[in-house]
Amino acid sequence: MNVAEAVATRRSIRAFKSDPVSLETLRRVLDRARMAPSGCNFQPWEATVLTGEPLAALQEKMRRAAPQDPLEYSFSEPEQSPRHLARLKDLGATMYGAMGIRRDDADARSDFSNANIVSFGAPALLLCHFERFMGPPQWSDVGMWLQTIMLLLREEGLDSCPQEWMSLYARLIKEHIGVSDETHILFCGIAIGYRDPDAAVNTFERPRVPLDEQVRFIGFD
């Protein structure tokens, strides 16, 4: 698989098969991802990867708990922008429509949202954390590292779903994995496994903004 194919076939998978993911494969992917870009070579990223009983135990704790208050960090500011909010609504309408869930079916929508707790059935979960003193440039570095991981997973025939949703339970998660809440941010999870190719939630057409609405080219013939 070349890079273009990995980019084109990577998507947020929300229905996984139960097939396990080997430690050898995960170590190979994460070892290669160390070469992701890093400003000043700070390499701010850290992670803990769970599977099996430790993952199941964390999921059970989240089932019994409420989301934390205050939040670990806010990721909803773009909703104040009409054009960005429209993109969110467009995705939601497409995704829920593919699953046959009506807009007024609050119970079905809640059940689907709660599937985040079990990472949509993924057998492995990477939990990304880093030290609190890291600034916006280092958050960008972490994002590039995570994208590198997700593309390398595609090369291995694996799939993923980045889950900022996990930050709603950041303190609980950090306690479970032995990471200090005082010193560290819990940024996100990445669900890792093999997609269910027959699940409608994995096959709908993903809306994207046309290139010329986002990028300008200046000085070219």
N, C-alpha and C. Protein backbone atom coordinates (compact mmCIF):
# COMPACT_ATOMS: atom_id res chain seq x y z
N MET A 1 0.85 -1.19 0.00
CA MET A 1 0.00 0.00 0.00
C MET A 1 0.89 1.25 0.00
N ASN A 2 0.66 2.16 -0.96
CA ASN A 2 1.44 3.39 -0.95
C ASN A 2 0.77 4.43 -0.05
N VAL A 3 1.45 5.57 0.10
CA VAL A 3 0.95 6.59 1.03
C VAL A 3 -0.41 7.11 0.59
N ALA A 4 -0.57 7.37 -0.71
CA ALA A 4 -1.85 7.89 -1.19
C ALA A 4 -2.99 6.93 -0.90
N GLU A 5 -2.74 5.63 -1.04
CA GLU A 5 -3.77 4.63 -0.75
C GLU A 5 -4.09 4.60 0.74
N ALA A 6 -3.05 4.74 1.56
CA ALA A 6 -3.27 4.75 3.01
C ALA A 6 -4.11 5.95 3.43
N VAL A 7 -3.81 7.11 2.85
CA VAL A 7 -4.58 8.32 3.16
C VAL A 7 -6.03 8.16 2.70
N ALA A 8 -6.23 7.63 1.49
CA ALA A 8 -7.57 7.51 0.93
C ALA A 8 -8.43 6.49 1.68
N THR A 9 -7.81 5.43 2.21
CA THR A 9 -8.59 4.37 2.84
C THR A 9 -8.67 4.50 4.36
N ARG A 10 -7.87 5.43 4.93
CA ARG A 10 -8.01 5.67 6.36
C ARG A 10 -9.30 6.41 6.61
N ARG A 11 -10.07 5.95 7.56
CA ARG A 11 -11.27 6.64 8.00
C ARG A 11 -11.52 6.27 9.46
N SER A 12 -12.34 7.04 10.13
CA SER A 12 -12.68 6.75 11.52
C SER A 12 -13.64 5.58 11.54
N ILE A 13 -13.14 4.42 11.93
CA ILE A 13 -13.94 3.20 11.95
C ILE A 13 -14.75 3.13 13.24
N ARG A 14 -16.04 2.89 13.11
CA ARG A 14 -16.91 2.86 14.28
C ARG A 14 -17.66 1.54 14.42
N ALA A 15 -17.09 0.50 13.81
CA ALA A 15 -17.57 -0.87 14.01
C ALA A 15 -16.40 -1.78 13.67
N PHE A 16 -15.83 -2.40 14.72
CA PHE A 16 -14.66 -3.26 14.56
C PHE A 16 -15.03 -4.73 14.71
N LYS A 17 -14.24 -5.57 14.08
CA LYS A 17 -14.32 -7.00 14.33
C LYS A 17 -13.55 -7.31 15.61
N SER A 18 -13.79 -8.47 16.19
CA SER A 18 -13.17 -8.82 17.47
C SER A 18 -11.77 -9.41 17.32
N ASP A 19 -11.29 -9.58 16.09
CA ASP A 19 -9.97 -10.18 15.86
C ASP A 19 -8.89 -9.42 16.64
N PRO A 20 -8.04 -10.12 17.38
CA PRO A 20 -7.01 -9.45 18.16
C PRO A 20 -5.94 -8.81 17.29
N VAL A 21 -5.24 -7.84 17.86
CA VAL A 21 -4.11 -7.19 17.21
C VAL A 21 -2.85 -7.60 17.96
N SER A 22 -1.85 -8.06 17.24
CA SER A 22 -0.65 -8.59 17.90
C SER A 22 0.24 -7.48 18.45
N LEU A 23 0.91 -7.79 19.55
CA LEU A 23 1.87 -6.86 20.14
C LEU A 23 2.99 -6.57 19.15
N GLU A 24 3.43 -7.58 18.42
CA GLU A 24 4.51 -7.39 17.44
C GLU A 24 4.13 -6.33 16.41
N THR A 25 2.91 -6.38 15.92
CA THR A 25 2.47 -5.41 14.92
C THR A 25 2.41 -4.01 15.51
N LEU A 26 1.86 -3.89 16.70
CA LEU A 26 1.76 -2.58 17.33
C LEU A 26 3.14 -2.00 17.62
N ARG A 27 4.04 -2.80 18.08
CA ARG A 27 5.40 -2.32 18.34
C ARG A 27 6.06 -1.86 17.04
N ARG A 28 5.85 -2.59 15.95
CA ARG A 28 6.44 -2.21 14.68
C ARG A 28 5.89 -0.86 14.21
N VAL A 29 4.58 -0.69 14.30
CA VAL A 29 3.96 0.57 13.89
C VAL A 29 4.46 1.73 14.74
N LEU A 30 4.47 1.57 16.04
CA LEU A 30 4.85 2.66 16.94
C LEU A 30 6.34 2.96 16.86
N ASP A 31 7.14 1.95 16.58
CA ASP A 31 8.57 2.18 16.42
C ASP A 31 8.82 3.02 15.16
N ARG A 32 8.13 2.71 14.08
CA ARG A 32 8.29 3.47 12.84
C ARG A 32 7.74 4.90 12.99
N ALA A 33 6.69 5.05 13.78
CA ALA A 33 6.07 6.37 13.95
C ALA A 33 6.96 7.34 14.71
N ARG A 34 8.01 6.85 15.33
CA ARG A 34 8.92 7.75 16.05
C ARG A 34 9.56 8.77 15.13
N MET A 35 9.55 8.52 13.82
CA MET A 35 10.16 9.43 12.86
C MET A 35 9.20 10.53 12.40
N ALA A 36 8.05 10.65 13.05
CA ALA A 36 7.11 11.73 12.72
C ALA A 36 7.77 13.09 12.96
N PRO A 37 7.32 14.14 12.27
CA PRO A 37 7.90 15.47 12.47
C PRO A 37 7.77 15.94 13.91
N SER A 38 8.78 16.65 14.37
CA SER A 38 8.76 17.16 15.74
C SER A 38 9.58 18.44 15.81
N GLY A 39 8.89 19.56 16.03
CA GLY A 39 9.59 20.84 16.15
C GLY A 39 10.63 20.82 17.25
N CYS A 40 11.84 21.26 16.92
CA CYS A 40 12.97 21.28 17.86
C CYS A 40 13.32 19.89 18.39
N ASN A 41 12.77 18.86 17.76
CA ASN A 41 13.00 17.47 18.18
C ASN A 41 12.54 17.21 19.62
N PHE A 42 11.51 17.93 20.06
CA PHE A 42 11.02 17.75 21.43
C PHE A 42 10.35 16.39 21.61
N GLN A 43 9.72 15.85 20.56
CA GLN A 43 9.03 14.56 20.65
C GLN A 43 8.15 14.49 21.91
N PRO A 44 7.12 15.34 21.97
CA PRO A 44 6.34 15.46 23.21
C PRO A 44 5.38 14.31 23.48
N TRP A 45 5.15 13.47 22.49
CA TRP A 45 4.12 12.45 22.61
C TRP A 45 4.49 11.32 23.57
N GLU A 46 3.49 10.83 24.27
CA GLU A 46 3.59 9.63 25.11
C GLU A 46 2.30 8.85 24.94
N ALA A 47 2.34 7.56 25.20
CA ALA A 47 1.12 6.77 25.05
C ALA A 47 1.17 5.52 25.91
N THR A 48 0.00 5.01 26.19
CA THR A 48 -0.19 3.71 26.84
C THR A 48 -1.17 2.92 25.97
N VAL A 49 -0.85 1.67 25.69
CA VAL A 49 -1.69 0.85 24.81
C VAL A 49 -2.27 -0.31 25.63
N LEU A 50 -3.60 -0.44 25.58
CA LEU A 50 -4.30 -1.46 26.35
C LEU A 50 -4.99 -2.46 25.44
N THR A 51 -5.09 -3.69 25.92
CA THR A 51 -5.91 -4.71 25.30
C THR A 51 -6.34 -5.69 26.39
N GLY A 52 -7.19 -6.63 26.06
CA GLY A 52 -7.56 -7.69 26.99
C GLY A 52 -8.19 -7.20 28.27
N GLU A 53 -7.84 -7.82 29.39
CA GLU A 53 -8.47 -7.53 30.68
C GLU A 53 -8.25 -6.10 31.14
N PRO A 54 -7.04 -5.52 31.00
CA PRO A 54 -6.87 -4.12 31.42
C PRO A 54 -7.77 -3.16 30.65
N LEU A 55 -8.00 -3.43 29.37
CA LEU A 55 -8.90 -2.59 28.59
C LEU A 55 -10.34 -2.78 29.04
N ALA A 56 -10.74 -4.02 29.25
CA ALA A 56 -12.11 -4.30 29.70
C ALA A 56 -12.37 -3.66 31.06
N ALA A 57 -11.38 -3.69 31.94
CA ALA A 57 -11.55 -3.09 33.27
C ALA A 57 -11.73 -1.58 33.17
N LEU A 58 -10.99 -0.94 32.28
CA LEU A 58 -11.15 0.50 32.08
C LEU A 58 -12.54 0.81 31.55
N GLN A 59 -12.99 0.04 30.59
CA GLN A 59 -14.31 0.28 30.01
C GLN A 59 -15.41 0.12 31.04
N GLU A 60 -15.26 -0.83 31.94
CA GLU A 60 -16.26 -1.00 33.00
C GLU A 60 -16.26 0.19 33.94
N LYS A 61 -15.09 0.73 34.25
CA LYS A 61 -15.02 1.93 35.10
C LYS A 61 -15.73 3.10 34.43
N MET A 62 -15.54 3.27 33.13
CA MET A 62 -16.19 4.37 32.43
C MET A 62 -17.70 4.19 32.38
N ARG A 63 -18.16 2.94 32.24
CA ARG A 63 -19.61 2.69 32.25
C ARG A 63 -20.24 3.17 33.55
N ARG A 64 -19.53 3.02 34.65
CA ARG A 64 -20.09 3.34 35.97
C ARG A 64 -19.90 4.80 36.36
N ALA A 65 -19.12 5.55 35.57
CA ALA A 65 -18.77 6.92 35.94
C ALA A 65 -19.47 7.93 35.04
N ALA A 66 -19.52 9.16 35.52
CA ALA A 66 -20.02 10.27 34.70
C ALA A 66 -18.83 11.02 34.12
N PRO A 67 -19.02 11.70 32.99
CA PRO A 67 -17.92 12.52 32.46
C PRO A 67 -17.44 13.53 33.49
N GLN A 68 -16.16 13.83 33.46
CA GLN A 68 -15.59 14.70 34.47
C GLN A 68 -15.99 16.16 34.25
N ASP A 69 -15.94 16.93 35.34
CA ASP A 69 -16.21 18.35 35.31
C ASP A 69 -15.22 19.02 36.27
N PRO A 70 -14.39 19.94 35.79
CA PRO A 70 -14.35 20.50 34.44
C PRO A 70 -13.72 19.53 33.44
N LEU A 71 -13.91 19.84 32.16
CA LEU A 71 -13.35 19.02 31.10
C LEU A 71 -11.82 19.11 31.11
N GLU A 72 -11.19 18.11 30.56
CA GLU A 72 -9.73 18.11 30.43
C GLU A 72 -9.28 19.26 29.54
N TYR A 73 -9.97 19.47 28.45
CA TYR A 73 -9.75 20.61 27.56
C TYR A 73 -11.01 20.75 26.71
N SER A 74 -11.16 21.90 26.06
CA SER A 74 -12.34 22.14 25.23
C SER A 74 -11.99 21.93 23.76
N PHE A 75 -12.87 21.21 23.05
CA PHE A 75 -12.64 21.01 21.62
C PHE A 75 -13.84 21.46 20.79
N SER A 76 -14.72 22.27 21.37
CA SER A 76 -15.97 22.62 20.68
C SER A 76 -16.02 24.06 20.17
N GLU A 77 -14.94 24.84 20.32
CA GLU A 77 -14.98 26.23 19.88
C GLU A 77 -15.41 26.40 18.42
N PRO A 78 -14.98 25.53 17.49
CA PRO A 78 -15.41 25.72 16.10
C PRO A 78 -16.92 25.70 15.89
N GLU A 79 -17.67 25.17 16.85
CA GLU A 79 -19.12 25.16 16.71
C GLU A 79 -19.70 26.58 16.76
N GLN A 80 -18.91 27.56 17.21
CA GLN A 80 -19.36 28.95 17.22
C GLN A 80 -19.28 29.58 15.83
N SER A 81 -18.60 28.90 14.91
CA SER A 81 -18.46 29.38 13.54
C SER A 81 -19.51 28.69 12.66
N PRO A 82 -20.40 29.44 12.02
CA PRO A 82 -21.46 28.81 11.22
C PRO A 82 -20.94 27.84 10.17
N ARG A 83 -19.86 28.18 9.48
CA ARG A 83 -19.42 27.28 8.41
C ARG A 83 -18.82 26.00 8.97
N HIS A 84 -18.17 26.07 10.13
CA HIS A 84 -17.62 24.86 10.73
C HIS A 84 -18.72 24.01 11.37
N LEU A 85 -19.69 24.67 11.99
CA LEU A 85 -20.82 23.95 12.56
C LEU A 85 -21.59 23.22 11.45
N ALA A 86 -21.69 23.85 10.29
CA ALA A 86 -22.39 23.21 9.17
C ALA A 86 -21.69 21.92 8.74
N ARG A 87 -20.36 21.91 8.81
CA ARG A 87 -19.62 20.70 8.46
C ARG A 87 -19.91 19.58 9.47
N LEU A 88 -19.98 19.95 10.74
CA LEU A 88 -20.31 18.96 11.77
C LEU A 88 -21.70 18.38 11.53
N LYS A 89 -22.66 19.24 11.26
CA LYS A 89 -24.04 18.79 11.04
C LYS A 89 -24.14 17.94 9.79
N ASP A 90 -23.38 18.30 8.76
CA ASP A 90 -23.38 17.54 7.51
C ASP A 90 -22.88 16.12 7.75
N LEU A 91 -21.80 16.00 8.51
CA LEU A 91 -21.27 14.68 8.83
C LEU A 91 -22.27 13.88 9.65
N GLY A 92 -22.85 14.51 10.68
CA GLY A 92 -23.81 13.81 11.52
C GLY A 92 -25.01 13.29 10.73
N ALA A 93 -25.53 14.14 9.86
CA ALA A 93 -26.69 13.73 9.06
C ALA A 93 -26.33 12.56 8.15
N THR A 94 -25.14 12.59 7.56
CA THR A 94 -24.72 11.51 6.66
C THR A 94 -24.49 10.22 7.44
N MET A 95 -23.81 10.32 8.57
CA MET A 95 -23.47 9.12 9.34
C MET A 95 -24.71 8.47 9.94
N TYR A 96 -25.53 9.26 10.62
CA TYR A 96 -26.74 8.68 11.23
C TYR A 96 -27.71 8.20 10.17
N GLY A 97 -27.75 8.91 9.05
CA GLY A 97 -28.61 8.48 7.96
C GLY A 97 -28.18 7.12 7.42
N ALA A 98 -26.86 6.90 7.32
CA ALA A 98 -26.35 5.61 6.83
C ALA A 98 -26.76 4.48 7.75
N MET A 99 -26.86 4.77 9.04
CA MET A 99 -27.22 3.74 10.02
C MET A 99 -28.73 3.62 10.19
N GLY A 100 -29.49 4.50 9.53
CA GLY A 100 -30.93 4.46 9.66
C GLY A 100 -31.44 4.98 10.99
N ILE A 101 -30.66 5.86 11.63
CA ILE A 101 -31.06 6.44 12.91
C ILE A 101 -31.66 7.82 12.66
N ARG A 102 -32.90 8.01 13.02
CA ARG A 102 -33.59 9.28 12.77
C ARG A 102 -33.05 10.37 13.71
N ARG A 103 -33.21 11.60 13.26
CA ARG A 103 -32.76 12.75 14.06
C ARG A 103 -33.47 12.82 15.41
N ASP A 104 -34.74 12.39 15.44
CA ASP A 104 -35.52 12.48 16.68
C ASP A 104 -35.42 11.23 17.54
N ASP A 105 -34.58 10.26 17.15
CA ASP A 105 -34.43 9.02 17.92
C ASP A 105 -33.31 9.21 18.94
N ALA A 106 -33.64 9.87 20.04
CA ALA A 106 -32.63 10.22 21.04
C ALA A 106 -31.99 8.99 21.67
N ASP A 107 -32.77 7.94 21.88
CA ASP A 107 -32.22 6.74 22.52
C ASP A 107 -31.17 6.07 21.63
N ALA A 108 -31.48 5.95 20.35
CA ALA A 108 -30.53 5.31 19.43
C ALA A 108 -29.26 6.14 19.30
N ARG A 109 -29.41 7.45 19.26
CA ARG A 109 -28.24 8.33 19.18
C ARG A 109 -27.39 8.24 20.44
N SER A 110 -28.05 8.15 21.58
CA SER A 110 -27.32 8.02 22.84
C SER A 110 -26.59 6.68 22.91
N ASP A 111 -27.24 5.62 22.47
CA ASP A 111 -26.59 4.30 22.46
C ASP A 111 -25.36 4.31 21.58
N PHE A 112 -25.46 4.95 20.42
CA PHE A 112 -24.30 5.00 19.52
C PHE A 112 -23.18 5.82 20.14
N SER A 113 -23.50 6.94 20.76
CA SER A 113 -22.48 7.76 21.41
C SER A 113 -21.79 6.98 22.53
N ASN A 114 -22.57 6.21 23.28
CA ASN A 114 -22.00 5.44 24.39
C ASN A 114 -21.11 4.30 23.90
N ALA A 115 -21.21 3.94 22.62
CA ALA A 115 -20.31 2.93 22.07
C ALA A 115 -18.86 3.40 22.07
N ASN A 116 -18.66 4.72 22.28
CA ASN A 116 -17.30 5.23 22.46
C ASN A 116 -16.61 4.57 23.66
N ILE A 117 -17.40 4.21 24.67
CA ILE A 117 -16.82 3.61 25.88
C ILE A 117 -16.04 2.36 25.54
N VAL A 118 -16.56 1.55 24.62
CA VAL A 118 -15.88 0.32 24.24
C VAL A 118 -15.12 0.48 22.93
N SER A 119 -14.88 1.74 22.56
CA SER A 119 -14.13 2.05 21.34
C SER A 119 -14.68 1.30 20.13
N PHE A 120 -16.01 1.21 20.08
CA PHE A 120 -16.72 0.61 18.95
C PHE A 120 -16.29 -0.84 18.70
N GLY A 121 -15.91 -1.51 19.78
CA GLY A 121 -15.55 -2.93 19.69
C GLY A 121 -14.11 -3.19 19.31
N ALA A 122 -13.28 -2.18 19.24
CA ALA A 122 -11.87 -2.38 18.89
C ALA A 122 -11.17 -3.18 19.98
N PRO A 123 -10.28 -4.11 19.61
CA PRO A 123 -9.60 -4.94 20.60
C PRO A 123 -8.40 -4.29 21.26
N ALA A 124 -7.96 -3.13 20.74
CA ALA A 124 -6.82 -2.43 21.32
C ALA A 124 -7.11 -0.94 21.35
N LEU A 125 -6.57 -0.27 22.36
CA LEU A 125 -6.79 1.17 22.52
C LEU A 125 -5.48 1.83 22.90
N LEU A 126 -5.04 2.78 22.06
CA LEU A 126 -3.89 3.62 22.39
C LEU A 126 -4.41 4.86 23.09
N LEU A 127 -3.84 5.18 24.23
CA LEU A 127 -4.21 6.37 24.99
C LEU A 127 -3.04 7.35 24.92
N CYS A 128 -3.28 8.50 24.31
CA CYS A 128 -2.23 9.49 24.09
C CYS A 128 -2.24 10.54 25.20
N HIS A 129 -1.11 10.73 25.83
CA HIS A 129 -0.97 11.72 26.89
C HIS A 129 0.38 12.41 26.76
N PHE A 130 0.47 13.59 27.33
CA PHE A 130 1.75 14.32 27.30
C PHE A 130 1.75 15.35 28.42
N GLU A 131 2.93 15.91 28.68
CA GLU A 131 3.09 16.79 29.83
C GLU A 131 2.35 18.11 29.64
N ARG A 132 1.78 18.61 30.73
CA ARG A 132 0.90 19.76 30.68
C ARG A 132 1.60 21.04 30.21
N PHE A 133 2.91 21.14 30.38
CA PHE A 133 3.56 22.38 29.99
C PHE A 133 3.75 22.51 28.48
N MET A 134 3.40 21.49 27.71
CA MET A 134 3.53 21.56 26.26
C MET A 134 2.55 22.60 25.70
N GLY A 135 3.03 23.38 24.74
CA GLY A 135 2.22 24.43 24.14
C GLY A 135 1.61 24.03 22.81
N PRO A 136 0.90 24.95 22.14
CA PRO A 136 0.25 24.64 20.87
C PRO A 136 1.16 24.00 19.82
N PRO A 137 2.43 24.44 19.66
CA PRO A 137 3.27 23.76 18.67
C PRO A 137 3.47 22.29 18.97
N GLN A 138 3.57 21.94 20.26
CA GLN A 138 3.76 20.53 20.61
C GLN A 138 2.47 19.73 20.45
N TRP A 139 1.31 20.37 20.68
CA TRP A 139 0.04 19.70 20.37
C TRP A 139 0.00 19.35 18.89
N SER A 140 0.49 20.27 18.04
CA SER A 140 0.56 20.00 16.61
C SER A 140 1.47 18.81 16.32
N ASP A 141 2.62 18.75 17.00
CA ASP A 141 3.53 17.60 16.84
C ASP A 141 2.82 16.30 17.18
N VAL A 142 2.06 16.31 18.28
CA VAL A 142 1.35 15.10 18.69
C VAL A 142 0.35 14.68 17.62
N GLY A 143 -0.34 15.67 17.02
CA GLY A 143 -1.28 15.36 15.96
C GLY A 143 -0.59 14.71 14.77
N MET A 144 0.60 15.21 14.40
CA MET A 144 1.33 14.61 13.28
C MET A 144 1.78 13.19 13.62
N TRP A 145 2.16 12.97 14.87
CA TRP A 145 2.54 11.62 15.31
C TRP A 145 1.35 10.67 15.22
N LEU A 146 0.19 11.13 15.67
CA LEU A 146 -1.00 10.28 15.63
C LEU A 146 -1.41 9.96 14.19
N GLN A 147 -1.34 10.95 13.30
CA GLN A 147 -1.65 10.69 11.89
C GLN A 147 -0.66 9.69 11.30
N THR A 148 0.60 9.81 11.65
CA THR A 148 1.60 8.86 11.17
C THR A 148 1.24 7.45 11.63
N ILE A 149 0.84 7.31 12.87
CA ILE A 149 0.43 6.00 13.39
C ILE A 149 -0.75 5.46 12.59
N MET A 150 -1.75 6.28 12.35
CA MET A 150 -2.95 5.80 11.67
C MET A 150 -2.65 5.37 10.23
N LEU A 151 -1.74 6.06 9.56
CA LEU A 151 -1.37 5.67 8.20
C LEU A 151 -0.54 4.39 8.21
N LEU A 152 0.35 4.25 9.18
CA LEU A 152 1.13 3.02 9.28
C LEU A 152 0.24 1.83 9.63
N LEU A 153 -0.81 2.06 10.42
CA LEU A 153 -1.77 0.99 10.69
C LEU A 153 -2.44 0.52 9.41
N ARG A 154 -2.77 1.46 8.52
CA ARG A 154 -3.36 1.06 7.25
C ARG A 154 -2.41 0.19 6.44
N GLU A 155 -1.13 0.52 6.47
CA GLU A 155 -0.14 -0.29 5.76
C GLU A 155 -0.15 -1.72 6.26
N GLU A 156 -0.46 -1.89 7.54
CA GLU A 156 -0.52 -3.23 8.15
C GLU A 156 -1.88 -3.89 7.95
N GLY A 157 -2.79 -3.22 7.24
CA GLY A 157 -4.13 -3.76 7.06
C GLY A 157 -5.05 -3.51 8.23
N LEU A 158 -4.64 -2.65 9.14
CA LEU A 158 -5.43 -2.33 10.33
C LEU A 158 -6.18 -1.02 10.15
N ASP A 159 -7.10 -0.79 11.07
CA ASP A 159 -7.92 0.42 11.04
C ASP A 159 -7.91 1.09 12.41
N SER A 160 -8.46 2.30 12.45
CA SER A 160 -8.39 3.07 13.69
C SER A 160 -9.55 4.04 13.78
N CYS A 161 -9.73 4.59 14.97
CA CYS A 161 -10.68 5.68 15.17
C CYS A 161 -10.12 6.59 16.26
N PRO A 162 -9.70 7.81 15.91
CA PRO A 162 -9.25 8.74 16.95
C PRO A 162 -10.43 9.16 17.82
N GLN A 163 -10.22 9.17 19.13
CA GLN A 163 -11.32 9.42 20.07
C GLN A 163 -10.95 10.54 21.05
N GLU A 164 -11.16 11.79 20.66
CA GLU A 164 -11.04 12.88 21.63
C GLU A 164 -12.06 12.69 22.74
N TRP A 165 -13.12 11.94 22.45
CA TRP A 165 -14.16 11.63 23.43
C TRP A 165 -13.57 11.10 24.72
N MET A 166 -12.46 10.37 24.65
CA MET A 166 -11.85 9.79 25.85
C MET A 166 -11.43 10.85 26.86
N SER A 167 -11.21 12.09 26.38
CA SER A 167 -10.82 13.15 27.32
C SER A 167 -11.92 13.47 28.32
N LEU A 168 -13.16 13.06 28.02
CA LEU A 168 -14.26 13.27 28.97
C LEU A 168 -14.04 12.48 30.26
N TYR A 169 -13.21 11.45 30.20
CA TYR A 169 -12.91 10.61 31.36
C TYR A 169 -11.42 10.62 31.66
N ALA A 170 -10.77 11.76 31.40
CA ALA A 170 -9.31 11.83 31.45
C ALA A 170 -8.75 11.43 32.81
N ARG A 171 -9.29 11.98 33.89
CA ARG A 171 -8.72 11.68 35.20
C ARG A 171 -8.89 10.21 35.56
N LEU A 172 -10.06 9.66 35.27
CA LEU A 172 -10.29 8.24 35.52
C LEU A 172 -9.31 7.38 34.73
N ILE A 173 -9.11 7.73 33.46
CA ILE A 173 -8.21 6.95 32.61
C ILE A 173 -6.78 7.05 33.11
N LYS A 174 -6.35 8.26 33.46
CA LYS A 174 -4.97 8.43 33.93
C LYS A 174 -4.72 7.64 35.22
N GLU A 175 -5.71 7.64 36.10
CA GLU A 175 -5.56 6.84 37.32
C GLU A 175 -5.43 5.36 36.98
N HIS A 176 -6.21 4.90 36.01
CA HIS A 176 -6.20 3.48 35.63
C HIS A 176 -4.86 3.06 35.04
N ILE A 177 -4.24 3.95 34.26
CA ILE A 177 -2.99 3.57 33.58
C ILE A 177 -1.74 4.06 34.31
N GLY A 178 -1.93 4.70 35.47
CA GLY A 178 -0.77 5.11 36.26
C GLY A 178 -0.05 6.32 35.73
N VAL A 179 -0.80 7.29 35.19
CA VAL A 179 -0.23 8.54 34.71
C VAL A 179 -0.74 9.67 35.60
N SER A 180 0.15 10.58 35.98
CA SER A 180 -0.21 11.64 36.91
C SER A 180 -1.13 12.68 36.27
N ASP A 181 -2.25 12.95 36.92
CA ASP A 181 -3.15 14.01 36.46
C ASP A 181 -2.52 15.37 36.68
N GLU A 182 -1.69 15.50 37.68
CA GLU A 182 -1.06 16.78 37.99
C GLU A 182 -0.09 17.19 36.88
N THR A 183 0.59 16.24 36.29
CA THR A 183 1.65 16.57 35.34
C THR A 183 1.26 16.36 33.88
N HIS A 184 0.17 15.60 33.61
CA HIS A 184 -0.11 15.18 32.24
C HIS A 184 -1.55 15.48 31.78
N ILE A 185 -1.66 15.81 30.49
CA ILE A 185 -2.92 15.91 29.77
C ILE A 185 -3.23 14.55 29.14
N LEU A 186 -4.47 14.12 29.23
CA LEU A 186 -4.93 12.97 28.43
C LEU A 186 -5.58 13.55 27.19
N PHE A 187 -4.93 13.40 26.04
CA PHE A 187 -5.42 14.05 24.82
C PHE A 187 -6.53 13.25 24.14
N CYS A 188 -6.29 11.98 23.84
CA CYS A 188 -7.28 11.21 23.10
C CYS A 188 -6.97 9.73 23.19
N GLY A 189 -7.88 8.94 22.69
CA GLY A 189 -7.62 7.53 22.45
C GLY A 189 -7.57 7.29 20.96
N ILE A 190 -6.96 6.18 20.57
CA ILE A 190 -7.07 5.70 19.19
C ILE A 190 -7.48 4.23 19.26
N ALA A 191 -8.72 3.97 18.85
CA ALA A 191 -9.19 2.59 18.75
C ALA A 191 -8.47 1.91 17.60
N ILE A 192 -8.00 0.69 17.82
CA ILE A 192 -7.21 -0.02 16.81
C ILE A 192 -7.75 -1.43 16.62
N GLY A 193 -7.95 -1.82 15.37
CA GLY A 193 -8.42 -3.17 15.07
C GLY A 193 -8.70 -3.32 13.60
N TYR A 194 -9.58 -4.25 13.27
CA TYR A 194 -9.95 -4.52 11.89
C TYR A 194 -11.40 -4.12 11.67
N ARG A 195 -11.65 -3.34 10.62
CA ARG A 195 -12.99 -2.84 10.38
C ARG A 195 -13.96 -3.97 10.01
N ASP A 196 -15.21 -3.78 10.38
CA ASP A 196 -16.30 -4.61 9.86
C ASP A 196 -16.69 -4.00 8.52
N PRO A 197 -16.36 -4.65 7.40
CA PRO A 197 -16.59 -4.04 6.09
C PRO A 197 -18.06 -3.94 5.72
N ASP A 198 -18.92 -4.65 6.46
CA ASP A 198 -20.34 -4.66 6.13
C ASP A 198 -21.14 -3.64 6.94
N ALA A 199 -20.51 -3.01 7.92
CA ALA A 199 -21.22 -2.05 8.77
C ALA A 199 -21.43 -0.74 8.02
N ALA A 200 -22.68 -0.29 7.98
CA ALA A 200 -23.00 0.94 7.23
C ALA A 200 -22.22 2.14 7.74
N VAL A 201 -21.92 2.16 9.04
CA VAL A 201 -21.21 3.29 9.62
C VAL A 201 -19.78 3.37 9.13
N ASN A 202 -19.30 2.32 8.50
CA ASN A 202 -17.93 2.31 7.96
C ASN A 202 -17.87 2.55 6.47
N THR A 203 -19.00 2.77 5.84
CA THR A 203 -19.00 2.82 4.37
C THR A 203 -19.62 4.08 3.78
N PHE A 204 -20.20 4.95 4.60
CA PHE A 204 -20.83 6.14 4.03
C PHE A 204 -19.78 7.08 3.44
N GLU A 205 -20.20 7.88 2.48
CA GLU A 205 -19.30 8.84 1.84
C GLU A 205 -19.01 9.98 2.79
N ARG A 206 -17.74 10.23 3.04
CA ARG A 206 -17.34 11.26 3.99
C ARG A 206 -17.31 12.63 3.31
N PRO A 207 -18.07 13.60 3.82
CA PRO A 207 -18.05 14.93 3.20
C PRO A 207 -16.73 15.65 3.45
N ARG A 208 -16.18 16.25 2.41
CA ARG A 208 -14.96 17.04 2.53
C ARG A 208 -15.11 18.34 1.74
N VAL A 209 -14.50 19.39 2.23
CA VAL A 209 -14.54 20.68 1.58
C VAL A 209 -13.67 20.63 0.32
N PRO A 210 -14.12 21.21 -0.80
CA PRO A 210 -13.30 21.23 -2.00
C PRO A 210 -11.96 21.91 -1.77
N LEU A 211 -10.94 21.43 -2.45
CA LEU A 211 -9.58 21.95 -2.26
C LEU A 211 -9.51 23.46 -2.42
N ASP A 212 -10.17 24.00 -3.45
CA ASP A 212 -10.03 25.43 -3.74
C ASP A 212 -10.72 26.32 -2.72
N GLU A 213 -11.51 25.74 -1.82
CA GLU A 213 -12.08 26.52 -0.73
C GLU A 213 -11.14 26.61 0.46
N GLN A 214 -10.09 25.81 0.45
CA GLN A 214 -9.19 25.77 1.60
C GLN A 214 -7.76 26.18 1.29
N VAL A 215 -7.36 26.05 0.03
CA VAL A 215 -5.95 26.29 -0.33
C VAL A 215 -5.88 27.27 -1.49
N ARG A 216 -4.97 28.24 -1.37
CA ARG A 216 -4.69 29.18 -2.47
C ARG A 216 -3.31 28.88 -3.02
N PHE A 217 -3.15 28.99 -4.32
CA PHE A 217 -1.86 28.79 -4.97
C PHE A 217 -1.45 30.12 -5.61
N ILE A 218 -0.31 30.65 -5.22
CA ILE A 218 0.13 31.97 -5.65
C ILE A 218 1.50 31.86 -6.32
N GLY A 219 1.62 32.51 -7.46
CA GLY A 219 2.90 32.58 -8.14
C GLY A 219 3.19 31.44 -9.11
N PHE A 220 2.22 30.56 -9.30
CA PHE A 220 2.39 29.45 -10.25
C PHE A 220 1.91 29.87 -11.63
N ASP A 221 2.54 29.32 -12.68
CA ASP A 221 2.11 29.61 -14.04
C ASP A 221 0.77 28.92 -14.34
